[in-house]
Amino acid sequence: MTDSADTPSPPSSVREPRVADEPFNDTTADVILRTSDKVDFYVYKNILSLASPFFKDMFCLPQSKPASDPSVGDGTMASHPIIDVSEDARTMNLALRFCYPMRKPTMTELKDVGPVLLAACKYDMDTVFDVAKVSLAQSRLFPPAPQDADVPFHDKAADIILRSSDHIDFHTHSVILSFASPVFKDMILSHQKADAGSAADGNAGHATIINVSENSRILNFVLRRCYPAHVPPLTQLNDAHLVLAAGVKYGIDIVRDYVATALIELVDQDILGVLSIALRYRLNDNSATSPHASITSFCAITHAAVRQPPP
């Protein structure tokens, strides 16, 4: 006996229609738009007529009620004119929501924007077309082209590119990163193995690109501490927090110790904030990677905090 879970679903051409979700399930509406994947959208002619000259002209034509159609979503007899459309339910749902007086959806993926644009052109929906064009131009759909970081991370001869969350490329060297961070070492080996298979496609010789979640400002602090380069002072507590988080994430002890020292200078900016960060990242923990430095830093931070005058 065949398990029901293994039974293939019927093709959309023979599938029973179902009713769309709110607000397109209102049976007091006066027409049904049936999508290619058999979803029935109950809509109002007056709203569609205002949004679409195409539908307005269509509704002026004689409409017959398909009383012989017994399957309208809930299995009842059809009591509304049914208009079959070639769009699927996802596309029609988005297009109709832009026509209705309701909160407008956000389209962040090309797989949504493209079909909605086509539907807007087909049905002459100017409002939907304008919204879809704006969505198409959004940076989330087409991220800006990466820019190169400043000196010293602009060396085109470097073999690793760390790409920040704001699309800045840091040209770095695998030897230096691997020496400074065991996490970077593993990431580099993993990406280089993946890139090895692309050599046959003519991509040999290109730097390995690794995307990281840190923005360029924070990544710059972290990498400068790994390189024999000038490291700007950390003057903002939020920067110190994010740099410390990155140092812990990538297992870079020198970054951790660098921030611990910087926190001492930031006590007067936010005493509780500094102490909270010190405790959260175990700057007082004997089990830390550099226990002596951690305890010394925490004691110095605490001493600096105690010396602060009361507010």
C-alpha atoms as a PDB file:
ATOM      1  CA  MET A   1       0.000   0.000   0.000  1.00  0.00           C
ATOM      2  CA  THR A   2       1.439   3.329  -1.012  1.00  0.00           C
ATOM      3  CA  ASP A   3       1.933   5.899   1.737  1.00  0.00           C
ATOM      4  CA  SER A   4      -0.175   9.004   1.228  1.00  0.00           C
ATOM      5  CA  ALA A   5       2.916  11.132   1.784  1.00  0.00           C
ATOM      6  CA  ASP A   6       4.418   9.633  -1.378  1.00  0.00           C
ATOM      7  CA  THR A   7       1.378  10.410  -3.492  1.00  0.00           C
ATOM      8  CA  PRO A   8       2.199  13.260  -5.880  1.00  0.00           C
ATOM      9  CA  SER A   9      -0.017  16.320  -5.718  1.00  0.00           C
ATOM     10  CA  PRO A  10      -2.303  16.780  -8.706  1.00  0.00           C
ATOM     11  CA  PRO A  11      -1.301  19.315 -11.358  1.00  0.00           C
ATOM     12  CA  SER A  12      -2.792  22.780 -11.042  1.00  0.00           C
ATOM     13  CA  SER A  13      -5.044  22.105 -14.046  1.00  0.00           C
ATOM     14  CA  VAL A  14      -7.027  19.534 -12.037  1.00  0.00           C
ATOM     15  CA  ARG A  15      -6.478  20.904  -8.526  1.00  0.00           C
ATOM     16  CA  GLU A  16      -9.535  22.094  -6.630  1.00  0.00           C
ATOM     17  CA  PRO A  17      -9.568  25.898  -6.251  1.00  0.00           C
ATOM     18  CA  ARG A  18      -9.045  27.404  -2.829  1.00  0.00           C
ATOM     19  CA  VAL A  19      -9.982  30.815  -1.497  1.00  0.00           C
ATOM     20  CA  ALA A  20      -7.253  33.426  -1.076  1.00  0.00           C
ATOM     21  CA  ASP A  21      -6.305  34.831   2.308  1.00  0.00           C
ATOM     22  CA  GLU A  22      -7.702  38.050   3.742  1.00  0.00           C
ATOM     23  CA  PRO A  23      -8.775  40.505   2.479  1.00  0.00           C
ATOM     24  CA  PHE A  24      -9.476  38.603  -0.733  1.00  0.00           C
ATOM     25  CA  ASN A  25     -11.771  36.027   0.844  1.00  0.00           C
ATOM     26  CA  ASP A  26     -14.770  38.325   1.205  1.00  0.00           C
ATOM     27  CA  THR A  27     -17.657  36.600  -0.549  1.00  0.00           C
ATOM     28  CA  THR A  28     -19.601  39.879  -0.663  1.00  0.00           C
ATOM     29  CA  ALA A  29     -17.224  40.966  -3.428  1.00  0.00           C
ATOM     30  CA  ASP A  30     -18.640  40.827  -6.936  1.00  0.00           C
ATOM     31  CA  VAL A  31     -16.019  39.036  -9.046  1.00  0.00           C
ATOM     32  CA  ILE A  32     -13.458  36.246  -8.681  1.00  0.00           C
ATOM     33  CA  LEU A  33      -9.958  36.344 -10.149  1.00  0.00           C
ATOM     34  CA  ARG A  34      -8.736  32.759 -10.426  1.00  0.00           C
ATOM     35  CA  THR A  35      -4.955  32.437 -10.655  1.00  0.00           C
ATOM     36  CA  SER A  36      -2.931  29.889 -12.596  1.00  0.00           C
ATOM     37  CA  ASP A  37      -2.372  27.875  -9.419  1.00  0.00           C
ATOM     38  CA  LYS A  38      -6.109  27.763  -8.670  1.00  0.00           C
ATOM     39  CA  VAL A  39      -6.492  30.385  -5.962  1.00  0.00           C
ATOM     40  CA  ASP A  40      -9.696  32.436  -5.987  1.00  0.00           C
ATOM     41  CA  PHE A  41      -9.393  36.141  -5.165  1.00  0.00           C
ATOM     42  CA  TYR A  42     -12.725  37.767  -4.339  1.00  0.00           C
ATOM     43  CA  VAL A  43     -12.387  41.371  -5.495  1.00  0.00           C
ATOM     44  CA  TYR A  44     -14.550  44.443  -6.013  1.00  0.00           C
ATOM     45  CA  LYS A  45     -15.129  45.722  -9.521  1.00  0.00           C
ATOM     46  CA  ASN A  46     -15.151  49.371  -8.464  1.00  0.00           C
ATOM     47  CA  ILE A  47     -11.688  49.117  -6.851  1.00  0.00           C
ATOM     48  CA  LEU A  48     -10.172  47.273  -9.792  1.00  0.00           C
ATOM     49  CA  SER A  49     -11.820  49.668 -12.251  1.00  0.00           C
ATOM     50  CA  LEU A  50     -10.158  52.638 -10.559  1.00  0.00           C
ATOM     51  CA  ALA A  51      -6.771  50.915 -10.485  1.00  0.00           C
ATOM     52  CA  SER A  52      -6.870  49.357 -13.948  1.00  0.00           C
ATOM     53  CA  PRO A  53      -8.441  50.641 -17.193  1.00  0.00           C
ATOM     54  CA  PHE A  54      -7.960  47.102 -18.496  1.00  0.00           C
ATOM     55  CA  PHE A  55     -10.300  45.642 -15.885  1.00  0.00           C
ATOM     56  CA  LYS A  56     -12.673  48.600 -16.218  1.00  0.00           C
ATOM     57  CA  ASP A  57     -13.171  47.832 -19.902  1.00  0.00           C
ATOM     58  CA  MET A  58     -13.498  44.133 -19.165  1.00  0.00           C
ATOM     59  CA  PHE A  59     -16.233  44.735 -16.607  1.00  0.00           C
ATOM     60  CA  CYS A  60     -18.198  46.729 -19.175  1.00  0.00           C
ATOM     61  CA  LEU A  61     -18.577  43.561 -21.211  1.00  0.00           C
ATOM     62  CA  PRO A  62     -21.480  41.177 -20.475  1.00  0.00           C
ATOM     63  CA  GLN A  63     -20.585  38.862 -17.599  1.00  0.00           C
ATOM     64  CA  SER A  64     -22.198  35.468 -17.108  1.00  0.00           C
ATOM     65  CA  LYS A  65     -22.300  33.647 -13.792  1.00  0.00           C
ATOM     66  CA  PRO A  66     -20.859  30.138 -14.143  1.00  0.00           C
ATOM     67  CA  ALA A  67     -23.545  28.374 -12.155  1.00  0.00           C
ATOM     68  CA  SER A  68     -22.272  25.034 -13.413  1.00  0.00           C
ATOM     69  CA  ASP A  69     -18.931  25.453 -11.633  1.00  0.00           C
ATOM     70  CA  PRO A  70     -19.330  23.648  -8.289  1.00  0.00           C
ATOM     71  CA  SER A  71     -15.874  24.352  -6.938  1.00  0.00           C
ATOM     72  CA  VAL A  72     -15.182  27.866  -5.754  1.00  0.00           C
ATOM     73  CA  GLY A  73     -12.648  27.499  -2.991  1.00  0.00           C
ATOM     74  CA  ASP A  74     -14.971  26.029  -0.370  1.00  0.00           C
ATOM     75  CA  GLY A  75     -16.700  23.598  -2.718  1.00  0.00           C
ATOM     76  CA  THR A  76     -19.918  25.594  -3.040  1.00  0.00           C
ATOM     77  CA  MET A  77     -21.635  26.567  -6.268  1.00  0.00           C
ATOM     78  CA  ALA A  78     -20.144  29.613  -7.953  1.00  0.00           C
ATOM     79  CA  SER A  79     -22.240  32.756  -7.571  1.00  0.00           C
ATOM     80  CA  HIS A  80     -19.701  35.243  -8.943  1.00  0.00           C
ATOM     81  CA  PRO A  81     -18.250  35.795 -12.409  1.00  0.00           C
ATOM     82  CA  ILE A  82     -14.898  34.019 -12.626  1.00  0.00           C
ATOM     83  CA  ILE A  83     -12.016  35.564 -14.555  1.00  0.00           C
ATOM     84  CA  ASP A  84      -9.044  33.289 -15.137  1.00  0.00           C
ATOM     85  CA  VAL A  85      -5.695  35.081 -15.025  1.00  0.00           C
ATOM     86  CA  SER A  86      -2.271  33.743 -15.969  1.00  0.00           C
ATOM     87  CA  GLU A  87      -0.489  35.077 -12.856  1.00  0.00           C
ATOM     88  CA  ASP A  88       0.088  32.878  -9.824  1.00  0.00           C
ATOM     89  CA  ALA A  89      -1.356  33.631  -6.394  1.00  0.00           C
ATOM     90  CA  ARG A  90       1.825  35.225  -5.019  1.00  0.00           C
ATOM     91  CA  THR A  91       2.008  37.726  -7.866  1.00  0.00           C
ATOM     92  CA  MET A  92      -1.706  38.511  -7.856  1.00  0.00           C
ATOM     93  CA  ASN A  93      -1.731  38.971  -4.082  1.00  0.00           C
ATOM     94  CA  LEU A  94       1.036  41.579  -4.290  1.00  0.00           C
ATOM     95  CA  ALA A  95      -0.497  43.401  -7.258  1.00  0.00           C
ATOM     96  CA  LEU A  96      -3.958  43.571  -5.692  1.00  0.00           C
ATOM     97  CA  ARG A  97      -2.654  44.780  -2.341  1.00  0.00           C
ATOM     98  CA  PHE A  98      -1.149  47.795  -4.085  1.00  0.00           C
ATOM     99  CA  CYS A  99      -4.573  48.525  -5.590  1.00  0.00           C
ATOM    100  CA  TYR A 100      -6.542  48.235  -2.358  1.00  0.00           C
ATOM    101  CA  PRO A 101      -6.684  50.908   0.396  1.00  0.00           C
ATOM    102  CA  MET A 102      -4.542  48.958   2.839  1.00  0.00           C
ATOM    103  CA  ARG A 103      -0.977  48.692   4.089  1.00  0.00           C
ATOM    104  CA  LYS A 104       1.263  48.156   1.104  1.00  0.00           C
ATOM    105  CA  PRO A 105       3.587  45.139   1.008  1.00  0.00           C
ATOM    106  CA  THR A 106       7.340  45.448   0.632  1.00  0.00           C
ATOM    107  CA  MET A 107       9.027  43.679  -2.251  1.00  0.00           C
ATOM    108  CA  THR A 108      12.658  42.861  -1.558  1.00  0.00           C
ATOM    109  CA  GLU A 109      13.280  40.013  -3.998  1.00  0.00           C
ATOM    110  CA  LEU A 110      13.594  40.019  -7.759  1.00  0.00           C
ATOM    111  CA  LYS A 111      11.398  36.927  -7.978  1.00  0.00           C
ATOM    112  CA  ASP A 112       8.525  39.131  -6.768  1.00  0.00           C
ATOM    113  CA  VAL A 113       9.293  42.402  -8.532  1.00  0.00           C
ATOM    114  CA  GLY A 114       9.625  40.949 -12.031  1.00  0.00           C
ATOM    115  CA  PRO A 115       6.231  39.191 -12.186  1.00  0.00           C
ATOM    116  CA  VAL A 116       4.466  42.150 -10.524  1.00  0.00           C
ATOM    117  CA  LEU A 117       5.969  44.536 -13.092  1.00  0.00           C
ATOM    118  CA  LEU A 118       4.707  42.317 -15.906  1.00  0.00           C
ATOM    119  CA  ALA A 119       1.246  42.130 -14.350  1.00  0.00           C
ATOM    120  CA  ALA A 120       1.164  45.919 -13.896  1.00  0.00           C
ATOM    121  CA  CYS A 121       2.004  46.414 -17.578  1.00  0.00           C
ATOM    122  CA  LYS A 122      -0.490  43.798 -18.701  1.00  0.00           C
ATOM    123  CA  TYR A 123      -3.396  45.225 -16.691  1.00  0.00           C
ATOM    124  CA  ASP A 124      -2.389  48.874 -17.105  1.00  0.00           C
ATOM    125  CA  MET A 125      -1.997  49.408 -13.342  1.00  0.00           C
ATOM    126  CA  ASP A 126       0.011  52.642 -13.172  1.00  0.00           C
ATOM    127  CA  THR A 127       0.218  52.738  -9.376  1.00  0.00           C
ATOM    128  CA  VAL A 128       1.461  49.160  -9.163  1.00  0.00           C
ATOM    129  CA  PHE A 129       3.940  49.791 -11.980  1.00  0.00           C
ATOM    130  CA  ASP A 130       5.404  52.850 -10.223  1.00  0.00           C
ATOM    131  CA  VAL A 131       5.805  50.992  -6.929  1.00  0.00           C
ATOM    132  CA  ALA A 132       7.418  48.010  -8.639  1.00  0.00           C
ATOM    133  CA  LYS A 133       9.890  50.302 -10.436  1.00  0.00           C
ATOM    134  CA  VAL A 134      10.903  51.869  -7.130  1.00  0.00           C
ATOM    135  CA  SER A 135      11.359  48.426  -5.580  1.00  0.00           C
ATOM    136  CA  LEU A 136      13.467  47.368  -8.542  1.00  0.00           C
ATOM    137  CA  ALA A 137      15.802  50.301  -7.959  1.00  0.00           C
ATOM    138  CA  GLN A 138      16.270  49.624  -4.254  1.00  0.00           C
ATOM    139  CA  SER A 139      19.804  48.824  -3.151  1.00  0.00           C
ATOM    140  CA  ARG A 140      18.666  45.631  -1.441  1.00  0.00           C
ATOM    141  CA  LEU A 141      17.871  44.175  -4.846  1.00  0.00           C
ATOM    142  CA  PHE A 142      20.996  45.489  -6.545  1.00  0.00           C
ATOM    143  CA  PRO A 143      23.765  46.028  -3.969  1.00  0.00           C
ATOM    144  CA  PRO A 144      26.270  48.743  -4.873  1.00  0.00           C
ATOM    145  CA  ALA A 145      29.462  47.654  -6.562  1.00  0.00           C
ATOM    146  CA  PRO A 146      32.172  46.929  -3.970  1.00  0.00           C
ATOM    147  CA  GLN A 147      34.748  49.671  -3.373  1.00  0.00           C
ATOM    148  CA  ASP A 148      38.363  49.134  -2.370  1.00  0.00           C
ATOM    149  CA  ALA A 149      39.442  49.997   1.151  1.00  0.00           C
ATOM    150  CA  ASP A 150      42.062  52.649   1.829  1.00  0.00           C
ATOM    151  CA  VAL A 151      45.763  52.068   2.468  1.00  0.00           C
ATOM    152  CA  PRO A 152      47.073  49.567   3.506  1.00  0.00           C
ATOM    153  CA  PHE A 153      44.194  47.333   2.386  1.00  0.00           C
ATOM    154  CA  HIS A 154      44.196  48.257  -1.292  1.00  0.00           C
ATOM    155  CA  ASP A 155      46.966  45.946  -2.495  1.00  0.00           C
ATOM    156  CA  LYS A 156      45.696  44.157  -5.622  1.00  0.00           C
ATOM    157  CA  ALA A 157      48.441  41.549  -5.205  1.00  0.00           C
ATOM    158  CA  ALA A 158      46.857  40.304  -1.961  1.00  0.00           C
ATOM    159  CA  ASP A 159      45.326  36.842  -2.124  1.00  0.00           C
ATOM    160  CA  ILE A 160      42.319  37.371   0.186  1.00  0.00           C
ATOM    161  CA  ILE A 161      39.519  39.926  -0.033  1.00  0.00           C
ATOM    162  CA  LEU A 162      37.444  40.463   3.092  1.00  0.00           C
ATOM    163  CA  ARG A 163      34.230  42.127   1.938  1.00  0.00           C
ATOM    164  CA  SER A 164      32.468  44.117   4.663  1.00  0.00           C
ATOM    165  CA  SER A 165      28.708  44.356   5.119  1.00  0.00           C
ATOM    166  CA  ASP A 166      28.746  47.792   3.454  1.00  0.00           C
ATOM    167  CA  HIS A 167      30.559  46.401   0.388  1.00  0.00           C
ATOM    168  CA  ILE A 168      34.101  47.589   1.030  1.00  0.00           C
ATOM    169  CA  ASP A 169      36.831  45.209  -0.143  1.00  0.00           C
ATOM    170  CA  PHE A 170      39.827  44.809   2.160  1.00  0.00           C
ATOM    171  CA  HIS A 171      42.713  43.267   0.200  1.00  0.00           C
ATOM    172  CA  THR A 172      44.556  41.172   2.764  1.00  0.00           C
ATOM    173  CA  HIS A 173      47.108  38.386   2.945  1.00  0.00           C
ATOM    174  CA  SER A 174      46.265  34.859   4.024  1.00  0.00           C
ATOM    175  CA  VAL A 175      49.600  34.456   5.845  1.00  0.00           C
ATOM    176  CA  ILE A 176      48.960  37.447   8.111  1.00  0.00           C
ATOM    177  CA  LEU A 177      45.295  36.623   8.743  1.00  0.00           C
ATOM    178  CA  SER A 178      46.042  32.962   9.472  1.00  0.00           C
ATOM    179  CA  PHE A 179      48.770  33.906  11.928  1.00  0.00           C
ATOM    180  CA  ALA A 180      46.531  36.402  13.755  1.00  0.00           C
ATOM    181  CA  SER A 181      43.317  34.374  13.828  1.00  0.00           C
ATOM    182  CA  PRO A 182      42.634  30.625  13.864  1.00  0.00           C
ATOM    183  CA  VAL A 183      39.092  31.421  12.759  1.00  0.00           C
ATOM    184  CA  PHE A 184      40.286  33.344   9.722  1.00  0.00           C
ATOM    185  CA  LYS A 185      42.694  30.489   8.991  1.00  0.00           C
ATOM    186  CA  ASP A 186      39.839  27.971   8.867  1.00  0.00           C
ATOM    187  CA  MET A 187      37.658  30.326   6.805  1.00  0.00           C
ATOM    188  CA  ILE A 188      40.448  30.876   4.292  1.00  0.00           C
ATOM    189  CA  LEU A 189      41.141  27.152   3.897  1.00  0.00           C
ATOM    190  CA  SER A 190      37.436  26.441   3.451  1.00  0.00           C
ATOM    191  CA  HIS A 191      36.950  29.134   0.810  1.00  0.00           C
ATOM    192  CA  GLN A 192      40.144  28.228  -1.027  1.00  0.00           C
ATOM    193  CA  LYS A 193      39.008  24.613  -1.292  1.00  0.00           C
ATOM    194  CA  ALA A 194      35.700  25.785  -2.723  1.00  0.00           C
ATOM    195  CA  ASP A 195      37.497  28.074  -5.170  1.00  0.00           C
ATOM    196  CA  ALA A 196      39.836  25.308  -6.307  1.00  0.00           C
ATOM    197  CA  GLY A 197      37.051  23.746  -8.337  1.00  0.00           C
ATOM    198  CA  SER A 198      36.552  26.952 -10.312  1.00  0.00           C
ATOM    199  CA  ALA A 199      40.117  27.002 -11.649  1.00  0.00           C
ATOM    200  CA  ALA A 200      38.997  24.967 -14.658  1.00  0.00           C
ATOM    201  CA  ASP A 201      36.445  27.685 -15.456  1.00  0.00           C
ATOM    202  CA  GLY A 202      39.143  30.293 -15.971  1.00  0.00           C
ATOM    203  CA  ASN A 203      38.937  31.842 -12.492  1.00  0.00           C
ATOM    204  CA  ALA A 204      42.393  30.747 -11.390  1.00  0.00           C
ATOM    205  CA  GLY A 205      44.575  33.509 -10.008  1.00  0.00           C
ATOM    206  CA  HIS A 206      41.725  35.596  -8.625  1.00  0.00           C
ATOM    207  CA  ALA A 207      41.739  36.566  -4.958  1.00  0.00           C
ATOM    208  CA  THR A 208      39.459  34.573  -2.679  1.00  0.00           C
ATOM    209  CA  ILE A 209      36.492  36.679  -1.540  1.00  0.00           C
ATOM    210  CA  ILE A 210      35.128  36.169   1.973  1.00  0.00           C
ATOM    211  CA  ASN A 211      32.038  38.088   3.065  1.00  0.00           C
ATOM    212  CA  VAL A 212      31.984  39.149   6.712  1.00  0.00           C
ATOM    213  CA  SER A 213      29.183  40.647   8.791  1.00  0.00           C
ATOM    214  CA  GLU A 214      31.194  43.581  10.171  1.00  0.00           C
ATOM    215  CA  ASN A 215      30.996  46.992   8.499  1.00  0.00           C
ATOM    216  CA  SER A 216      34.089  48.631   7.033  1.00  0.00           C
ATOM    217  CA  ARG A 217      34.695  50.901  10.029  1.00  0.00           C
ATOM    218  CA  ILE A 218      34.886  48.006  12.484  1.00  0.00           C
ATOM    219  CA  LEU A 219      36.768  45.723  10.101  1.00  0.00           C
ATOM    220  CA  ASN A 220      39.360  48.459   9.577  1.00  0.00           C
ATOM    221  CA  PHE A 221      40.042  48.623  13.336  1.00  0.00           C
ATOM    222  CA  VAL A 222      40.331  44.835  13.570  1.00  0.00           C
ATOM    223  CA  LEU A 223      42.630  44.378  10.585  1.00  0.00           C
ATOM    224  CA  ARG A 224      44.914  47.294  11.472  1.00  0.00           C
ATOM    225  CA  ARG A 225      45.574  45.617  14.806  1.00  0.00           C
ATOM    226  CA  CYS A 226      46.604  42.450  12.947  1.00  0.00           C
ATOM    227  CA  TYR A 227      48.872  44.308  10.511  1.00  0.00           C
ATOM    228  CA  PRO A 228      52.004  46.352  11.229  1.00  0.00           C
ATOM    229  CA  ALA A 229      50.001  49.505  10.605  1.00  0.00           C
ATOM    230  CA  HIS A 230      48.860  52.574  12.509  1.00  0.00           C
ATOM    231  CA  VAL A 231      45.809  51.820  14.650  1.00  0.00           C
ATOM    232  CA  PRO A 232      43.548  54.830  15.304  1.00  0.00           C
ATOM    233  CA  PRO A 233      42.352  55.251  18.889  1.00  0.00           C
ATOM    234  CA  LEU A 234      38.933  53.956  19.871  1.00  0.00           C
ATOM    235  CA  THR A 235      37.086  57.071  21.018  1.00  0.00           C
ATOM    236  CA  GLN A 236      33.512  55.769  20.932  1.00  0.00           C
ATOM    237  CA  LEU A 237      32.186  53.111  23.287  1.00  0.00           C
ATOM    238  CA  ASN A 238      30.002  51.578  20.592  1.00  0.00           C
ATOM    239  CA  ASP A 239      33.033  51.157  18.327  1.00  0.00           C
ATOM    240  CA  ALA A 240      34.973  49.554  21.164  1.00  0.00           C
ATOM    241  CA  HIS A 241      32.093  47.170  21.810  1.00  0.00           C
ATOM    242  CA  LEU A 242      31.816  46.109  18.164  1.00  0.00           C
ATOM    243  CA  VAL A 243      35.577  45.753  17.708  1.00  0.00           C
ATOM    244  CA  LEU A 244      35.786  43.638  20.861  1.00  0.00           C
ATOM    245  CA  ALA A 245      32.903  41.472  19.633  1.00  0.00           C
ATOM    246  CA  ALA A 246      34.730  40.949  16.332  1.00  0.00           C
ATOM    247  CA  GLY A 247      37.983  40.164  18.117  1.00  0.00           C
ATOM    248  CA  VAL A 248      36.261  37.509  20.224  1.00  0.00           C
ATOM    249  CA  LYS A 249      34.357  36.157  17.206  1.00  0.00           C
ATOM    250  CA  TYR A 250      37.526  35.657  15.184  1.00  0.00           C
ATOM    251  CA  GLY A 251      39.685  34.623  18.140  1.00  0.00           C
ATOM    252  CA  ILE A 252      42.131  37.521  17.755  1.00  0.00           C
ATOM    253  CA  ASP A 253      43.743  37.972  21.173  1.00  0.00           C
ATOM    254  CA  ILE A 254      45.599  41.173  20.276  1.00  0.00           C
ATOM    255  CA  VAL A 255      42.308  42.838  19.331  1.00  0.00           C
ATOM    256  CA  ARG A 256      40.737  41.726  22.593  1.00  0.00           C
ATOM    257  CA  ASP A 257      43.620  43.139  24.610  1.00  0.00           C
ATOM    258  CA  TYR A 258      43.673  46.328  22.521  1.00  0.00           C
ATOM    259  CA  VAL A 259      40.008  47.037  23.272  1.00  0.00           C
ATOM    260  CA  ALA A 260      40.398  46.137  26.943  1.00  0.00           C
ATOM    261  CA  THR A 261      43.053  48.834  27.222  1.00  0.00           C
ATOM    262  CA  ALA A 262      40.935  51.330  25.272  1.00  0.00           C
ATOM    263  CA  LEU A 263      37.983  50.784  27.611  1.00  0.00           C
ATOM    264  CA  ILE A 264      39.985  52.292  30.460  1.00  0.00           C
ATOM    265  CA  GLU A 265      40.059  55.592  28.573  1.00  0.00           C
ATOM    266  CA  LEU A 266      36.322  55.397  27.914  1.00  0.00           C
ATOM    267  CA  VAL A 267      35.195  55.026  31.522  1.00  0.00           C
ATOM    268  CA  ASP A 268      34.387  58.724  31.822  1.00  0.00           C
ATOM    269  CA  GLN A 269      32.140  58.413  28.753  1.00  0.00           C
ATOM    270  CA  ASP A 270      29.896  55.680  30.185  1.00  0.00           C
ATOM    271  CA  ILE A 271      30.910  53.955  33.430  1.00  0.00           C
ATOM    272  CA  LEU A 272      28.132  51.363  33.435  1.00  0.00           C
ATOM    273  CA  GLY A 273      28.538  50.706  29.730  1.00  0.00           C
ATOM    274  CA  VAL A 274      32.254  50.016  30.099  1.00  0.00           C
ATOM    275  CA  LEU A 275      31.750  47.723  33.092  1.00  0.00           C
ATOM    276  CA  SER A 276      28.957  45.887  31.288  1.00  0.00           C
ATOM    277  CA  ILE A 277      31.187  45.232  28.277  1.00  0.00           C
ATOM    278  CA  ALA A 278      34.087  44.152  30.497  1.00  0.00           C
ATOM    279  CA  LEU A 279      31.887  41.644  32.306  1.00  0.00           C
ATOM    280  CA  ARG A 280      30.110  40.412  29.191  1.00  0.00           C
ATOM    281  CA  TYR A 281      33.371  39.591  27.437  1.00  0.00           C
ATOM    282  CA  ARG A 282      34.975  38.119  30.558  1.00  0.00           C
ATOM    283  CA  LEU A 283      37.754  40.637  30.949  1.00  0.00           C
ATOM    284  CA  ASN A 284      37.792  39.525  34.604  1.00  0.00           C
ATOM    285  CA  ASP A 285      37.891  35.788  33.822  1.00  0.00           C
ATOM    286  CA  ASN A 286      40.875  33.615  34.770  1.00  0.00           C
ATOM    287  CA  SER A 287      39.845  31.163  32.052  1.00  0.00           C
ATOM    288  CA  ALA A 288      40.221  33.775  29.320  1.00  0.00           C
ATOM    289  CA  THR A 289      42.832  33.239  26.639  1.00  0.00           C
ATOM    290  CA  SER A 290      45.130  35.845  28.181  1.00  0.00           C
ATOM    291  CA  PRO A 291      44.154  35.670  31.866  1.00  0.00           C
ATOM    292  CA  HIS A 292      46.862  37.983  33.146  1.00  0.00           C
ATOM    293  CA  ALA A 293      46.031  40.704  30.633  1.00  0.00           C
ATOM    294  CA  SER A 294      42.311  40.193  31.209  1.00  0.00           C
ATOM    295  CA  ILE A 295      42.491  40.529  34.982  1.00  0.00           C
ATOM    296  CA  THR A 296      44.865  43.486  34.753  1.00  0.00           C
ATOM    297  CA  SER A 297      42.583  45.254  32.279  1.00  0.00           C
ATOM    298  CA  PHE A 298      39.471  44.594  34.315  1.00  0.00           C
ATOM    299  CA  CYS A 299      41.121  45.817  37.500  1.00  0.00           C
ATOM    300  CA  ALA A 300      42.266  48.957  35.715  1.00  0.00           C
ATOM    301  CA  ILE A 301      38.767  49.536  34.332  1.00  0.00           C
ATOM    302  CA  THR A 302      37.223  49.031  37.768  1.00  0.00           C
ATOM    303  CA  HIS A 303      39.780  51.337  39.386  1.00  0.00           C
ATOM    304  CA  ALA A 304      39.105  54.032  36.799  1.00  0.00           C
ATOM    305  CA  ALA A 305      35.372  53.682  37.345  1.00  0.00           C
ATOM    306  CA  VAL A 306      35.693  53.972  41.123  1.00  0.00           C
ATOM    307  CA  ARG A 307      37.732  57.159  40.760  1.00  0.00           C
ATOM    308  CA  GLN A 308      34.980  58.839  38.752  1.00  0.00           C
ATOM    309  CA  PRO A 309      33.139  61.554  40.716  1.00  0.00           C
ATOM    310  CA  PRO A 310      29.466  60.879  41.434  1.00  0.00           C
ATOM    311  CA  PRO A 311      27.008  62.407  38.937  1.00  0.00           C
END
